[in-house]
Protein backbone atom coordinates (compact mmCIF):
# COMPACT_ATOMS: atom_id res chain seq x y z
CA MET A 1 -16.63 1.00 -6.46
CA LYS A 2 -18.57 -1.79 -8.27
CA THR A 3 -17.83 -5.70 -8.02
CA THR A 4 -16.82 -5.76 -11.57
CA VAL A 5 -13.89 -3.48 -11.08
CA ASP A 6 -10.21 -4.66 -10.99
CA CYS A 7 -8.26 -3.81 -7.92
CA PRO A 8 -5.50 -0.98 -8.46
CA CYS A 9 -3.39 -3.74 -7.13
CA GLY A 10 -3.52 -6.07 -9.68
CA GLY A 11 -5.08 -8.71 -7.56
CA GLY A 12 -8.52 -9.56 -8.91
CA ARG A 13 -11.50 -7.84 -8.43
CA TYR A 14 -11.78 -4.61 -6.07
CA THR A 15 -14.38 -6.05 -3.46
CA ALA A 16 -12.40 -9.08 -3.19
CA CYS A 17 -9.04 -8.18 -2.90
CA CYS A 18 -8.04 -4.13 -1.46
CA GLY A 19 -11.66 -3.34 -0.98
CA ARG A 20 -12.22 -5.82 2.02
CA TRP A 21 -9.68 -4.19 4.04
CA HIS A 22 -10.30 -1.05 3.28
CA ALA A 23 -13.91 -1.49 4.49
CA GLY A 24 -12.19 -2.37 8.02
CA ALA A 25 -11.66 -5.96 7.96
CA PRO A 26 -7.52 -6.49 8.92
CA ALA A 27 -5.59 -7.78 6.42
CA PRO A 28 -4.15 -11.27 7.16
CA THR A 29 -0.91 -10.49 5.94
CA ALA A 30 1.96 -8.33 5.51
CA VAL A 31 1.87 -8.51 1.57
CA ASP A 32 -2.13 -7.75 1.81
CA LEU A 33 -1.49 -4.69 3.47
CA MET A 34 0.93 -3.56 1.42
CA ARG A 35 -1.05 -4.45 -1.19
CA SER A 36 -4.32 -2.64 0.04
CA ARG A 37 -2.15 0.52 1.00
CA TYR A 38 -0.96 0.98 -2.70
CA SER A 39 -4.62 0.67 -3.68
CA ALA A 40 -5.65 3.26 -1.14
CA PHE A 41 -2.68 5.72 -2.49
CA VAL A 42 -4.47 4.72 -6.02
CA LEU A 43 -7.97 5.96 -4.78
CA GLY A 44 -6.99 8.89 -2.56
CA LEU A 45 -8.09 6.90 0.76
CA ALA A 46 -5.71 9.17 3.23
CA ASP A 47 -7.48 8.28 6.34
CA TYR A 48 -6.75 4.14 5.85
CA LEU A 49 -3.35 4.91 5.21
CA LEU A 50 -3.23 6.54 8.43
CA ALA A 51 -4.86 4.15 10.31
CA THR A 52 -2.27 1.09 8.73
CA TRP A 53 0.62 3.12 9.54
CA HIS A 54 2.50 2.33 12.52
CA PRO A 55 1.22 4.65 15.64
CA ASP A 56 4.78 5.71 16.39
CA LYS A 57 5.75 6.61 13.04
CA ARG A 58 2.63 8.01 11.44
CA PRO A 59 2.12 11.23 10.75
CA ALA A 60 -0.16 13.50 11.84
CA ALA A 61 -1.56 13.93 8.42
CA LEU A 62 -1.33 13.10 4.80
CA ASP A 63 -1.65 15.20 2.02
CA LEU A 64 -2.50 13.33 -1.00
CA ASP A 65 -3.55 16.49 -3.47
CA GLU A 66 0.02 16.21 -5.26
CA SER A 67 0.02 18.70 -8.48
CA PRO A 68 0.34 17.28 -11.01
CA ALA A 69 -1.07 14.03 -9.23
CA PRO A 70 0.80 11.01 -10.26
CA LYS A 71 -1.28 8.75 -11.86
CA TRP A 72 -0.68 5.24 -10.47
CA ILE A 73 -0.39 2.59 -13.55
CA GLY A 74 0.90 -0.78 -11.89
CA LEU A 75 2.63 -2.55 -8.61
CA ASP A 76 4.88 -5.50 -8.91
CA VAL A 77 5.40 -7.54 -5.41
CA ARG A 78 9.26 -8.75 -5.51
CA ALA A 79 9.60 -10.50 -2.59
CA HIS A 80 8.43 -10.65 1.10
CA ALA A 81 9.62 -12.34 4.45
CA GLU A 82 7.77 -12.80 7.63
CA ASP A 83 9.43 -13.88 11.04
CA GLY A 84 6.80 -13.93 13.89
CA ASP A 85 5.01 -10.06 14.19
CA GLN A 86 7.66 -8.73 11.40
CA ALA A 87 7.53 -8.53 8.09
CA SER A 88 9.29 -7.07 4.51
CA VAL A 89 7.23 -6.47 1.38
CA GLU A 90 9.93 -5.65 -1.26
CA PHE A 91 7.95 -4.08 -4.49
CA VAL A 92 7.93 -1.51 -7.17
CA ALA A 93 5.18 0.60 -7.66
CA ARG A 94 4.87 2.28 -11.55
CA TYR A 95 3.19 5.70 -11.75
CA LYS A 96 3.13 8.49 -14.25
CA VAL A 97 3.32 12.46 -13.28
CA GLY A 98 3.03 14.53 -16.27
CA GLY A 99 3.33 12.05 -18.86
CA ARG A 100 6.43 11.15 -17.50
CA ALA A 101 7.29 7.08 -15.85
CA HIS A 102 9.03 7.08 -12.69
CA ARG A 103 8.95 3.87 -10.17
CA LEU A 104 9.18 3.37 -6.48
CA HIS A 105 11.01 0.47 -5.44
CA GLU A 106 10.74 0.04 -1.81
CA THR A 107 11.59 -2.30 0.80
CA SER A 108 8.69 -2.01 3.42
CA ARG A 109 8.93 -3.24 6.89
CA PHE A 110 5.68 -4.32 9.11
CA LEU A 111 4.91 -4.82 12.18
CA ARG A 112 2.31 -7.65 13.81
CA ILE A 113 0.42 -5.70 16.85
CA GLU A 114 -2.06 -7.43 18.67
CA GLY A 115 -3.02 -9.67 15.42
CA LYS A 116 -3.09 -6.44 13.28
CA TRP A 117 -0.35 -5.68 10.51
CA PHE A 118 0.93 -1.85 10.08
CA TYR A 119 3.36 -0.10 8.22
CA LEU A 120 5.97 0.90 9.92
CA ASP A 121 8.84 2.22 7.72
CA GLY A 122 10.40 1.72 4.28
CA ILE A 123 13.92 1.85 2.36
CA ILE A 124 13.72 3.42 -0.97
CA ASP A 125 16.15 1.77 -3.54
CA GLU A 126 17.43 5.06 -5.63
CA THR A 127 19.31 2.87 -8.29
């Protein structure tokens, strides 16, 4: 991806935003990790998603080849809290499937292990 391409998470240019985390640098905050995981969903980076999932909760595989495929159209980080090696991030991710708009409203939990953040799990708000 070129440096002039906007990052899917909305945080600026891809290489200066989520691209560096996708390339292997550890995300310094849970918010950065959550944003990079959203971008990884948009870009189909299943390996990155698995690598940043907490080992105790990580699925054996991740299939991103849904049919029809969602078209991710935006991310809104609503709140975040960090307490030592634990954090939560509330967000809304918007997407379309078959031309119909949807949103995923989730509060995700993260744990930091040896200085590296991992996605643990999330609670979906279905209201």
